PDB file of N, CA and C in Angstrom:
ATOM      1  N   UNK A   1      90.278  86.554 107.154  1.00  0.00           N
ATOM      2  CA  UNK A   1      90.806  87.357 108.236  1.00  0.00           C
ATOM      3  C   UNK A   1      91.879  88.296 107.689  1.00  0.00           C
ATOM      4  N   UNK A   2      91.894  89.514 108.158  1.00  0.00           N
ATOM      5  CA  UNK A   2      92.863  90.505 107.704  1.00  0.00           C
ATOM      6  C   UNK A   2      94.220  90.279 108.362  1.00  0.00           C
ATOM      7  N   UNK A   3      95.276  90.606 107.605  1.00  0.00           N
ATOM      8  CA  UNK A   3      96.639  90.497 108.103  1.00  0.00           C
ATOM      9  C   UNK A   3      96.906  91.586 109.128  1.00  0.00           C
ATOM     10  N   UNK A   4      97.590  91.228 110.205  1.00  0.00           N
ATOM     11  CA  UNK A   4      98.028  92.195 111.204  1.00  0.00           C
ATOM     12  C   UNK A   4      99.537  92.056 111.366  1.00  0.00           C
ATOM     13  N   UNK A   5     100.254  93.163 111.532  1.00  0.00           N
ATOM     14  CA  UNK A   5     101.709  93.064 111.711  1.00  0.00           C
ATOM     15  C   UNK A   5     102.062  92.371 113.019  1.00  0.00           C
ATOM     16  N   UNK A   6     103.194  91.699 113.016  1.00  0.00           N
ATOM     17  CA  UNK A   6     103.672  90.997 114.215  1.00  0.00           C
ATOM     18  C   UNK A   6     104.033  92.008 115.299  1.00  0.00           C
ATOM     19  N   UNK A   7     103.713  91.655 116.522  1.00  0.00           N
ATOM     20  CA  UNK A   7     104.067  92.494 117.668  1.00  0.00           C
ATOM     21  C   UNK A   7     105.434  92.084 118.200  1.00  0.00           C
ATOM     22  N   UNK A   8     106.028  92.929 119.005  1.00  0.00           N
ATOM     23  CA  UNK A   8     107.314  92.597 119.615  1.00  0.00           C
ATOM     24  C   UNK A   8     107.184  91.353 120.498  1.00  0.00           C
ATOM     25  N   UNK A   9     106.089  91.242 121.220  1.00  0.00           N
ATOM     26  CA  UNK A   9     105.869  90.064 122.065  1.00  0.00           C
ATOM     27  C   UNK A   9     105.837  88.790 121.221  1.00  0.00           C
ATOM     28  N   UNK A  10     105.159  88.848 120.082  1.00  0.00           N
ATOM     29  CA  UNK A  10     105.100  87.701 119.184  1.00  0.00           C
ATOM     30  C   UNK A  10     106.494  87.313 118.711  1.00  0.00           C
ATOM     31  N   UNK A  11     107.303  88.304 118.356  1.00  0.00           N
ATOM     32  CA  UNK A  11     108.663  88.030 117.890  1.00  0.00           C
ATOM     33  C   UNK A  11     109.481  87.360 118.985  1.00  0.00           C
ATOM     34  N   UNK A  12     109.390  87.862 120.204  1.00  0.00           N
ATOM     35  CA  UNK A  12     110.100  87.231 121.324  1.00  0.00           C
ATOM     36  C   UNK A  12     109.663  85.773 121.484  1.00  0.00           C
ATOM     37  N   UNK A  13     108.374  85.515 121.375  1.00  0.00           N
ATOM     38  CA  UNK A  13     107.861  84.146 121.500  1.00  0.00           C
ATOM     39  C   UNK A  13     108.381  83.258 120.376  1.00  0.00           C
ATOM     40  N   UNK A  14     108.379  83.779 119.148  1.00  0.00           N
ATOM     41  CA  UNK A  14     108.888  83.014 118.011  1.00  0.00           C
ATOM     42  C   UNK A  14     110.357  82.652 118.203  1.00  0.00           C
ATOM     43  N   UNK A  15     111.150  83.640 118.616  1.00  0.00           N
ATOM     44  CA  UNK A  15     112.580  83.402 118.825  1.00  0.00           C
ATOM     45  C   UNK A  15     112.778  82.349 119.913  1.00  0.00           C
ATOM     46  N   UNK A  16     112.017  82.432 120.979  1.00  0.00           N
ATOM     47  CA  UNK A  16     112.126  81.452 122.073  1.00  0.00           C
ATOM     48  C   UNK A  16     111.820  80.044 121.565  1.00  0.00           C
ATOM     49  N   UNK A  17     110.768  79.911 120.784  1.00  0.00           N
ATOM     50  CA  UNK A  17     110.405  78.609 120.210  1.00  0.00           C
ATOM     51  C   UNK A  17     111.493  78.123 119.257  1.00  0.00           C
ATOM     52  N   UNK A  18     111.951  79.009 118.392  1.00  0.00           N
ATOM     53  CA  UNK A  18     112.936  78.643 117.373  1.00  0.00           C
ATOM     54  C   UNK A  18     114.283  78.244 117.979  1.00  0.00           C
ATOM     55  N   UNK A  19     114.728  78.942 119.012  1.00  0.00           N
ATOM     56  CA  UNK A  19     116.035  78.617 119.594  1.00  0.00           C
ATOM     57  C   UNK A  19     116.017  77.258 120.297  1.00  0.00           C
ATOM     58  N   UNK A  20     114.866  76.798 120.732  1.00  0.00           N
ATOM     59  CA  UNK A  20     114.762  75.462 121.352  1.00  0.00           C
ATOM     60  C   UNK A  20     115.056  74.354 120.338  1.00  0.00           C
ATOM     61  N   UNK A  21     114.896  74.658 119.053  1.00  0.00           N
ATOM     62  CA  UNK A  21     115.108  73.665 118.001  1.00  0.00           C
ATOM     63  C   UNK A  21     116.504  73.708 117.396  1.00  0.00           C
ATOM     64  N   UNK A  22     117.377  74.571 117.934  1.00  0.00           N
ATOM     65  CA  UNK A  22     118.722  74.718 117.368  1.00  0.00           C
ATOM     66  C   UNK A  22     119.694  73.690 117.946  1.00  0.00           C
ATOM     67  N   UNK A  23     120.650  73.320 117.100  1.00  0.00           N
ATOM     68  CA  UNK A  23     121.757  72.488 117.573  1.00  0.00           C
ATOM     69  C   UNK A  23     122.667  73.360 118.442  1.00  0.00           C
ATOM     70  N   UNK A  24     123.614  72.731 119.126  1.00  0.00           N
ATOM     71  CA  UNK A  24     124.553  73.486 119.962  1.00  0.00           C
ATOM     72  C   UNK A  24     125.354  74.483 119.121  1.00  0.00           C
ATOM     73  N   UNK A  25     125.796  74.071 117.945  1.00  0.00           N
ATOM     74  CA  UNK A  25     126.571  74.962 117.068  1.00  0.00           C
ATOM     75  C   UNK A  25     125.715  76.133 116.587  1.00  0.00           C
ATOM     76  N   UNK A  26     124.484  75.848 116.206  1.00  0.00           N
ATOM     77  CA  UNK A  26     123.581  76.910 115.762  1.00  0.00           C
ATOM     78  C   UNK A  26     123.298  77.891 116.889  1.00  0.00           C
ATOM     79  N   UNK A  27     123.117  77.373 118.089  1.00  0.00           N
ATOM     80  CA  UNK A  27     122.837  78.222 119.239  1.00  0.00           C
ATOM     81  C   UNK A  27     124.029  79.112 119.574  1.00  0.00           C
ATOM     82  N   UNK A  28     125.242  78.590 119.436  1.00  0.00           N
ATOM     83  CA  UNK A  28     126.444  79.410 119.671  1.00  0.00           C
ATOM     84  C   UNK A  28     126.509  80.575 118.689  1.00  0.00           C
ATOM     85  N   UNK A  29     126.202  80.321 117.424  1.00  0.00           N
ATOM     86  CA  UNK A  29     126.180  81.397 116.424  1.00  0.00           C
ATOM     87  C   UNK A  29     125.078  82.386 116.767  1.00  0.00           C
ATOM     88  N   UNK A  30     123.899  81.875 117.099  1.00  0.00           N
ATOM     89  CA  UNK A  30     122.783  82.739 117.458  1.00  0.00           C
ATOM     90  C   UNK A  30     123.174  83.699 118.591  1.00  0.00           C
ATOM     91  N   UNK A  31     123.825  83.183 119.596  1.00  0.00           N
ATOM     92  CA  UNK A  31     124.213  84.013 120.737  1.00  0.00           C
ATOM     93  C   UNK A  31     125.204  85.107 120.340  1.00  0.00           C
ATOM     94  N   UNK A  32     125.930  84.916 119.254  1.00  0.00           N
ATOM     95  CA  UNK A  32     126.886  85.920 118.776  1.00  0.00           C
ATOM     96  C   UNK A  32     126.232  87.001 117.910  1.00  0.00           C
ATOM     97  N   UNK A  33     125.160  86.670 117.222  1.00  0.00           N
ATOM     98  CA  UNK A  33     124.581  87.612 116.257  1.00  0.00           C
ATOM     99  C   UNK A  33     123.239  88.196 116.685  1.00  0.00           C
ATOM    100  N   UNK A  34     122.601  87.613 117.685  1.00  0.00           N
ATOM    101  CA  UNK A  34     121.256  88.051 118.096  1.00  0.00           C
ATOM    102  C   UNK A  34     121.269  89.468 118.647  1.00  0.00           C
ATOM    103  N   UNK A  35     120.216  90.202 118.354  1.00  0.00           N
ATOM    104  CA  UNK A  35     119.993  91.533 118.912  1.00  0.00           C
ATOM    105  C   UNK A  35     118.555  91.572 119.434  1.00  0.00           C
ATOM    106  N   UNK A  36     118.285  92.527 120.300  1.00  0.00           N
ATOM    107  CA  UNK A  36     116.903  92.730 120.725  1.00  0.00           C
ATOM    108  C   UNK A  36     116.078  93.069 119.491  1.00  0.00           C
ATOM    109  N   UNK A  37     114.895  92.487 119.346  1.00  0.00           N
ATOM    110  CA  UNK A  37     114.087  92.777 118.160  1.00  0.00           C
ATOM    111  C   UNK A  37     113.911  94.278 117.954  1.00  0.00           C
ATOM    112  N   UNK A  38     114.131  94.681 116.709  1.00  0.00           N
ATOM    113  CA  UNK A  38     114.081  96.103 116.363  1.00  0.00           C
ATOM    114  C   UNK A  38     113.442  96.246 114.992  1.00  0.00           C
ATOM    115  N   UNK A  39     112.548  97.206 114.851  1.00  0.00           N
ATOM    116  CA  UNK A  39     111.889  97.436 113.557  1.00  0.00           C
ATOM    117  C   UNK A  39     112.839  98.143 112.597  1.00  0.00           C
ATOM    118  N   UNK A  40     112.992  97.561 111.425  1.00  0.00           N
ATOM    119  CA  UNK A  40     113.744  98.158 110.328  1.00  0.00           C
ATOM    120  C   UNK A  40     112.790  98.311 109.152  1.00  0.00           C
ATOM    121  N   UNK A  41     113.132  99.168 108.240  1.00  0.00           N
ATOM    122  CA  UNK A  41     112.266  99.455 107.099  1.00  0.00           C
ATOM    123  C   UNK A  41     112.825  98.809 105.828  1.00  0.00           C
ATOM    124  N   UNK A  42     111.910  98.384 104.981  1.00  0.00           N
ATOM    125  CA  UNK A  42     112.243  98.004 103.610  1.00  0.00           C
ATOM    126  C   UNK A  42     111.540  99.030 102.731  1.00  0.00           C
ATOM    127  N   UNK A  43     112.325  99.752 101.937  1.00  0.00           N
ATOM    128  CA  UNK A  43     111.761 100.780 101.067  1.00  0.00           C
ATOM    129  C   UNK A  43     111.532 100.189  99.689  1.00  0.00           C
ATOM    130  N   UNK A  44     110.270 100.131  99.322  1.00  0.00           N
ATOM    131  CA  UNK A  44     109.877  99.612  98.007  1.00  0.00           C
ATOM    132  C   UNK A  44     108.710 100.435  97.503  1.00  0.00           C
ATOM    133  N   UNK A  45     108.408 100.278  96.244  1.00  0.00           N
ATOM    134  CA  UNK A  45     107.284 100.991  95.643  1.00  0.00           C
ATOM    135  C   UNK A  45     106.067 100.087  95.491  1.00  0.00           C
ATOM    136  N   UNK A  46     105.883  99.164  96.428  1.00  0.00           N
ATOM    137  CA  UNK A  46     104.735  98.261  96.336  1.00  0.00           C
ATOM    138  C   UNK A  46     104.190  97.974  97.734  1.00  0.00           C
ATOM    139  N   UNK A  47     103.289  97.032  97.828  1.00  0.00           N
ATOM    140  CA  UNK A  47     102.645  96.710  99.099  1.00  0.00           C
ATOM    141  C   UNK A  47     103.577  96.040 100.102  1.00  0.00           C
ATOM    142  N   UNK A  48     104.768  95.623  99.671  1.00  0.00           N
ATOM    143  CA  UNK A  48     105.688  94.916 100.558  1.00  0.00           C
ATOM    144  C   UNK A  48     106.613  95.865 101.315  1.00  0.00           C
ATOM    145  N   UNK A  49     106.563  97.144 100.992  1.00  0.00           N
ATOM    146  CA  UNK A  49     107.340  98.136 101.746  1.00  0.00           C
ATOM    147  C   UNK A  49     106.790  98.191 103.159  1.00  0.00           C
ATOM    148  N   UNK A  50     107.648  98.541 104.102  1.00  0.00           N
ATOM    149  CA  UNK A  50     107.167  98.668 105.474  1.00  0.00           C
ATOM    150  C   UNK A  50     108.214  98.298 106.485  1.00  0.00           C
ATOM    151  N   UNK A  51     107.763  98.079 107.700  1.00  0.00           N
ATOM    152  CA  UNK A  51     108.651  97.767 108.814  1.00  0.00           C
ATOM    153  C   UNK A  51     108.622  96.283 109.134  1.00  0.00           C
ATOM    154  N   UNK A  52     109.811  95.746 109.385  1.00  0.00           N
ATOM    155  CA  UNK A  52     109.953  94.331 109.707  1.00  0.00           C
ATOM    156  C   UNK A  52     110.886  94.198 110.904  1.00  0.00           C
ATOM    157  N   UNK A  53     110.700  93.149 111.684  1.00  0.00           N
ATOM    158  CA  UNK A  53     111.502  92.934 112.886  1.00  0.00           C
ATOM    159  C   UNK A  53     112.841  92.284 112.565  1.00  0.00           C
ATOM    160  N   UNK A  54     113.934  92.974 112.860  1.00  0.00           N
ATOM    161  CA  UNK A  54     115.284  92.421 112.745  1.00  0.00           C
ATOM    162  C   UNK A  54     115.629  91.782 114.089  1.00  0.00           C
ATOM    163  N   UNK A  55     116.165  90.544 114.041  1.00  0.00           N
ATOM    164  CA  UNK A  55     116.484  89.822 115.273  1.00  0.00           C
ATOM    165  C   UNK A  55     117.966  89.477 115.391  1.00  0.00           C
ATOM    166  N   UNK A  56     118.739  89.686 114.314  1.00  0.00           N
ATOM    167  CA  UNK A  56     120.177  89.396 114.356  1.00  0.00           C
ATOM    168  C   UNK A  56     120.884  90.212 113.282  1.00  0.00           C
ATOM    169  N   UNK A  57     122.142  90.538 113.570  1.00  0.00           N
ATOM    170  CA  UNK A  57     122.981  91.273 112.624  1.00  0.00           C
ATOM    171  C   UNK A  57     124.333  90.577 112.573  1.00  0.00           C
ATOM    172  N   UNK A  58     124.820  90.320 111.358  1.00  0.00           N
ATOM    173  CA  UNK A  58     126.171  89.785 111.194  1.00  0.00           C
ATOM    174  C   UNK A  58     126.766  90.381 109.933  1.00  0.00           C
ATOM    175  N   UNK A  59     127.874  91.059 110.111  1.00  0.00           N
ATOM    176  CA  UNK A  59     128.495  91.734 108.979  1.00  0.00           C
ATOM    177  C   UNK A  59     127.535  92.757 108.398  1.00  0.00           C
ATOM    178  N   UNK A  60     127.316  92.679 107.088  1.00  0.00           N
ATOM    179  CA  UNK A  60     126.397  93.596 106.389  1.00  0.00           C
ATOM    180  C   UNK A  60     125.049  92.921 106.109  1.00  0.00           C
ATOM    181  N   UNK A  61     124.718  91.924 106.908  1.00  0.00           N
ATOM    182  CA  UNK A  61     123.458  91.186 106.749  1.00  0.00           C
ATOM    183  C   UNK A  61     122.632  91.252 108.023  1.00  0.00           C
ATOM    184  N   UNK A  62     121.323  91.138 107.844  1.00  0.00           N
ATOM    185  CA  UNK A  62     120.409  91.068 108.975  1.00  0.00           C
ATOM    186  C   UNK A  62     119.506  89.853 108.825  1.00  0.00           C
ATOM    187  N   UNK A  63     119.100  89.316 109.963  1.00  0.00           N
ATOM    188  CA  UNK A  63     118.090  88.271 110.009  1.00  0.00           C
ATOM    189  C   UNK A  63     116.811  88.962 110.465  1.00  0.00           C
ATOM    190  N   UNK A  64     115.753  88.792 109.700  1.00  0.00           N
ATOM    191  CA  UNK A  64     114.505  89.492 110.005  1.00  0.00           C
ATOM    192  C   UNK A  64     113.317  88.563 109.821  1.00  0.00           C
ATOM    193  N   UNK A  65     112.229  88.922 110.534  1.00  0.00           N
ATOM    194  CA  UNK A  65     111.010  88.120 110.462  1.00  0.00           C
ATOM    195  C   UNK A  65     110.051  88.736 109.458  1.00  0.00           C
ATOM    196  N   UNK A  66     109.645  87.940 108.484  1.00  0.00           N
ATOM    197  CA  UNK A  66     108.685  88.374 107.481  1.00  0.00           C
ATOM    198  C   UNK A  66     107.299  87.947 107.963  1.00  0.00           C
ATOM    199  N   UNK A  67     106.577  88.872 108.560  1.00  0.00           N
ATOM    200  CA  UNK A  67     105.276  88.522 109.131  1.00  0.00           C
ATOM    201  C   UNK A  67     104.187  88.350 108.066  1.00  0.00           C
ATOM    202  N   UNK A  68     104.480  88.720 106.840  1.00  0.00           N
ATOM    203  CA  UNK A  68     103.539  88.456 105.744  1.00  0.00           C
ATOM    204  C   UNK A  68     103.642  86.982 105.343  1.00  0.00           C
ATOM    205  N   UNK A  69     104.872  86.486 105.240  1.00  0.00           N
ATOM    206  CA  UNK A  69     105.126  85.098 104.835  1.00  0.00           C
ATOM    207  C   UNK A  69     105.269  84.148 106.020  1.00  0.00           C
ATOM    208  N   UNK A  70     105.391  84.711 107.223  1.00  0.00           N
ATOM    209  CA  UNK A  70     105.513  83.949 108.469  1.00  0.00           C
ATOM    210  C   UNK A  70     106.762  83.077 108.501  1.00  0.00           C
ATOM    211  N   UNK A  71     107.900  83.715 108.256  1.00  0.00           N
ATOM    212  CA  UNK A  71     109.170  83.022 108.336  1.00  0.00           C
ATOM    213  C   UNK A  71     110.303  84.028 108.415  1.00  0.00           C
ATOM    214  N   UNK A  72     111.504  83.521 108.668  1.00  0.00           N
ATOM    215  CA  UNK A  72     112.688  84.370 108.779  1.00  0.00           C
ATOM    216  C   UNK A  72     113.415  84.431 107.450  1.00  0.00           C
ATOM    217  N   UNK A  73     114.116  85.534 107.247  1.00  0.00           N
ATOM    218  CA  UNK A  73     114.905  85.742 106.037  1.00  0.00           C
ATOM    219  C   UNK A  73     116.223  86.410 106.392  1.00  0.00           C
ATOM    220  N   UNK A  74     117.176  86.356 105.469  1.00  0.00           N
ATOM    221  CA  UNK A  74     118.451  87.054 105.586  1.00  0.00           C
ATOM    222  C   UNK A  74     118.548  88.023 104.415  1.00  0.00           C
ATOM    223  N   UNK A  75     118.914  89.264 104.716  1.00  0.00           N
ATOM    224  CA  UNK A  75     119.083  90.265 103.670  1.00  0.00           C
ATOM    225  C   UNK A  75     120.292  91.136 103.978  1.00  0.00           C
ATOM    226  N   UNK A  76     120.846  91.717 102.941  1.00  0.00           N
ATOM    227  CA  UNK A  76     121.910  92.702 103.109  1.00  0.00           C
ATOM    228  C   UNK A  76     121.310  94.027 103.554  1.00  0.00           C
ATOM    229  N   UNK A  77     122.160  94.861 104.163  1.00  0.00           N
ATOM    230  CA  UNK A  77     121.766  96.236 104.432  1.00  0.00           C
ATOM    231  C   UNK A  77     122.946  97.143 104.128  1.00  0.00           C
ATOM    232  N   UNK A  78     122.656  98.331 103.623  1.00  0.00           N
ATOM    233  CA  UNK A  78     123.674  99.332 103.331  1.00  0.00           C
ATOM    234  C   UNK A  78     123.659 100.450 104.358  1.00  0.00           C
ATOM    235  N   UNK A  79     122.458 100.762 104.820  1.00  0.00           N
ATOM    236  CA  UNK A  79     122.259 101.806 105.824  1.00  0.00           C
ATOM    237  C   UNK A  79     121.628 101.153 107.044  1.00  0.00           C
ATOM    238  N   UNK A  80     122.216 101.385 108.220  1.00  0.00           N
ATOM    239  CA  UNK A  80     121.671 100.799 109.444  1.00  0.00           C
ATOM    240  C   UNK A  80     120.215 101.231 109.600  1.00  0.00           C
ATOM    241  N   UNK A  81     119.343 100.262 109.789  1.00  0.00           N
ATOM    242  CA  UNK A  81     117.921 100.545 109.947  1.00  0.00           C
ATOM    243  C   UNK A  81     117.105 100.328 108.688  1.00  0.00           C
ATOM    244  N   UNK A  82     117.791 100.049 107.562  1.00  0.00           N
ATOM    245  CA  UNK A  82     117.106  99.827 106.289  1.00  0.00           C
ATOM    246  C   UNK A  82     117.544  98.496 105.670  1.00  0.00           C
ATOM    247  N   UNK A  83     116.604  97.614 105.460  1.00  0.00           N
ATOM    248  CA  UNK A  83     116.862  96.330 104.814  1.00  0.00           C
ATOM    249  C   UNK A  83     116.859  96.556 103.308  1.00  0.00           C
ATOM    250  N   UNK A  84     117.912  96.091 102.628  1.00  0.00           N
ATOM    251  CA  UNK A  84     118.040  96.336 101.188  1.00  0.00           C
ATOM    252  C   UNK A  84     117.126  95.467 100.330  1.00  0.00           C
ATOM    253  N   UNK A  85     116.894  94.226 100.763  1.00  0.00           N
ATOM    254  CA  UNK A  85     116.219  93.266  99.898  1.00  0.00           C
ATOM    255  C   UNK A  85     115.041  92.602 100.608  1.00  0.00           C
ATOM    256  N   UNK A  86     113.952  92.428  99.886  1.00  0.00           N
ATOM    257  CA  UNK A  86     112.797  91.695 100.393  1.00  0.00           C
ATOM    258  C   UNK A  86     112.865  90.271  99.872  1.00  0.00           C
ATOM    259  N   UNK A  87     112.728  89.316 100.780  1.00  0.00           N
ATOM    260  CA  UNK A  87     112.643  87.910 100.400  1.00  0.00           C
ATOM    261  C   UNK A  87     111.447  87.290 101.094  1.00  0.00           C
ATOM    262  N   UNK A  88     110.974  86.185 100.583  1.00  0.00           N
ATOM    263  CA  UNK A  88     109.838  85.484 101.164  1.00  0.00           C
ATOM    264  C   UNK A  88     110.170  84.002 101.308  1.00  0.00           C
ATOM    265  N   UNK A  89     111.296  83.717 101.954  1.00  0.00           N
ATOM    266  CA  UNK A  89     111.807  82.349 102.011  1.00  0.00           C
ATOM    267  C   UNK A  89     111.146  81.478 103.063  1.00  0.00           C
ATOM    268  N   UNK A  90     110.614  82.042 104.114  1.00  0.00           N
ATOM    269  CA  UNK A  90     109.940  81.300 105.188  1.00  0.00           C
ATOM    270  C   UNK A  90     110.872  80.310 105.889  1.00  0.00           C
ATOM    271  N   UNK A  91     112.112  80.713 106.116  1.00  0.00           N
ATOM    272  CA  UNK A  91     113.057  79.855 106.833  1.00  0.00           C
ATOM    273  C   UNK A  91     112.735  79.792 108.319  1.00  0.00           C
ATOM    274  N   UNK A  92     113.102  78.684 108.919  1.00  0.00           N
ATOM    275  CA  UNK A  92     113.143  78.617 110.374  1.00  0.00           C
ATOM    276  C   UNK A  92     114.471  79.235 110.792  1.00  0.00           C
ATOM    277  N   UNK A  93     114.522  79.759 111.999  1.00  0.00           N
ATOM    278  CA  UNK A  93     115.722  80.442 112.466  1.00  0.00           C
ATOM    279  C   UNK A  93     116.935  79.516 112.477  1.00  0.00           C
ATOM    280  N   UNK A  94     116.746  78.259 112.790  1.00  0.00           N
ATOM    281  CA  UNK A  94     117.873  77.311 112.817  1.00  0.00           C
ATOM    282  C   UNK A  94     118.469  77.123 111.420  1.00  0.00           C
ATOM    283  N   UNK A  95     117.634  77.213 110.399  1.00  0.00           N
ATOM    284  CA  UNK A  95     118.144  77.091 109.035  1.00  0.00           C
ATOM    285  C   UNK A  95     119.024  78.288 108.673  1.00  0.00           C
ATOM    286  N   UNK A  96     118.640  79.455 109.145  1.00  0.00           N
ATOM    287  CA  UNK A  96     119.455  80.642 108.898  1.00  0.00           C
ATOM    288  C   UNK A  96     120.775  80.550 109.653  1.00  0.00           C
ATOM    289  N   UNK A  97     120.755  80.048 110.879  1.00  0.00           N
ATOM    290  CA  UNK A  97     122.007  79.883 111.630  1.00  0.00           C
ATOM    291  C   UNK A  97     122.917  78.906 110.908  1.00  0.00           C
ATOM    292  N   UNK A  98     122.347  77.883 110.296  1.00  0.00           N
ATOM    293  CA  UNK A  98     123.145  76.935 109.522  1.00  0.00           C
ATOM    294  C   UNK A  98     123.753  77.622 108.303  1.00  0.00           C
ATOM    295  N   UNK A  99     123.012  78.509 107.659  1.00  0.00           N
ATOM    296  CA  UNK A  99     123.552  79.276 106.531  1.00  0.00           C
ATOM    297  C   UNK A  99     124.736  80.129 106.981  1.00  0.00           C
ATOM    298  N   UNK A 100     124.612  80.741 108.161  1.00  0.00           N
ATOM    299  CA  UNK A 100     125.704  81.569 108.687  1.00  0.00           C
ATOM    300  C   UNK A 100     126.925  80.707 108.974  1.00  0.00           C
ATOM    301  N   UNK A 101     126.720  79.540 109.555  1.00  0.00           N
ATOM    302  CA  UNK A 101     127.840  78.615 109.824  1.00  0.00           C
ATOM    303  C   UNK A 101     128.532  78.262 108.502  1.00  0.00           C
ATOM    304  N   UNK A 102     127.769  77.989 107.462  1.00  0.00           N
ATOM    305  CA  UNK A 102     128.348  77.653 106.160  1.00  0.00           C
ATOM    306  C   UNK A 102     129.129  78.825 105.583  1.00  0.00           C
ATOM    307  N   UNK A 103     128.625  80.037 105.732  1.00  0.00           N
ATOM    308  CA  UNK A 103     129.343  81.224 105.248  1.00  0.00           C
ATOM    309  C   UNK A 103     130.662  81.391 105.983  1.00  0.00           C
ATOM    310  N   UNK A 104     130.630  81.207 107.297  1.00  0.00           N
ATOM    311  CA  UNK A 104     131.853  81.364 108.097  1.00  0.00           C
ATOM    312  C   UNK A 104     132.862  80.275 107.746  1.00  0.00           C
ATOM    313  N   UNK A 105     132.382  79.052 107.554  1.00  0.00           N
ATOM    314  CA  UNK A 105     133.259  77.928 107.260  1.00  0.00           C
ATOM    315  C   UNK A 105     133.862  78.006 105.875  1.00  0.00           C
ATOM    316  N   UNK A 106     133.186  78.729 104.984  1.00  0.00           N
ATOM    317  CA  UNK A 106     133.693  78.944 103.630  1.00  0.00           C
ATOM    318  C   UNK A 106     133.553  77.766 102.742  1.00  0.00           C
TER     319      UNK A 106
END
């Protein structure tokens, strides 16, 4: 079967499922950083360049859904609307919220 990019509806459904699995602390962080899903671009010279759904912004980082790998990732951004780094970590959203809690806690 050929790969198809994730739709906005799919992203909303994923976020809804993922937030049900968050702890109270993770959910509090999520509520502070979440944004309406928005397509951002990753500029690369290979097949991984393209548009990806950003679902949260904190500082100079974004949380985005990698629909090729079917998981969430965190990347830096320098220009609003452009993700600087491609990752294929396949995190669940609650794991990323835990990473943010650890960053804040120092």
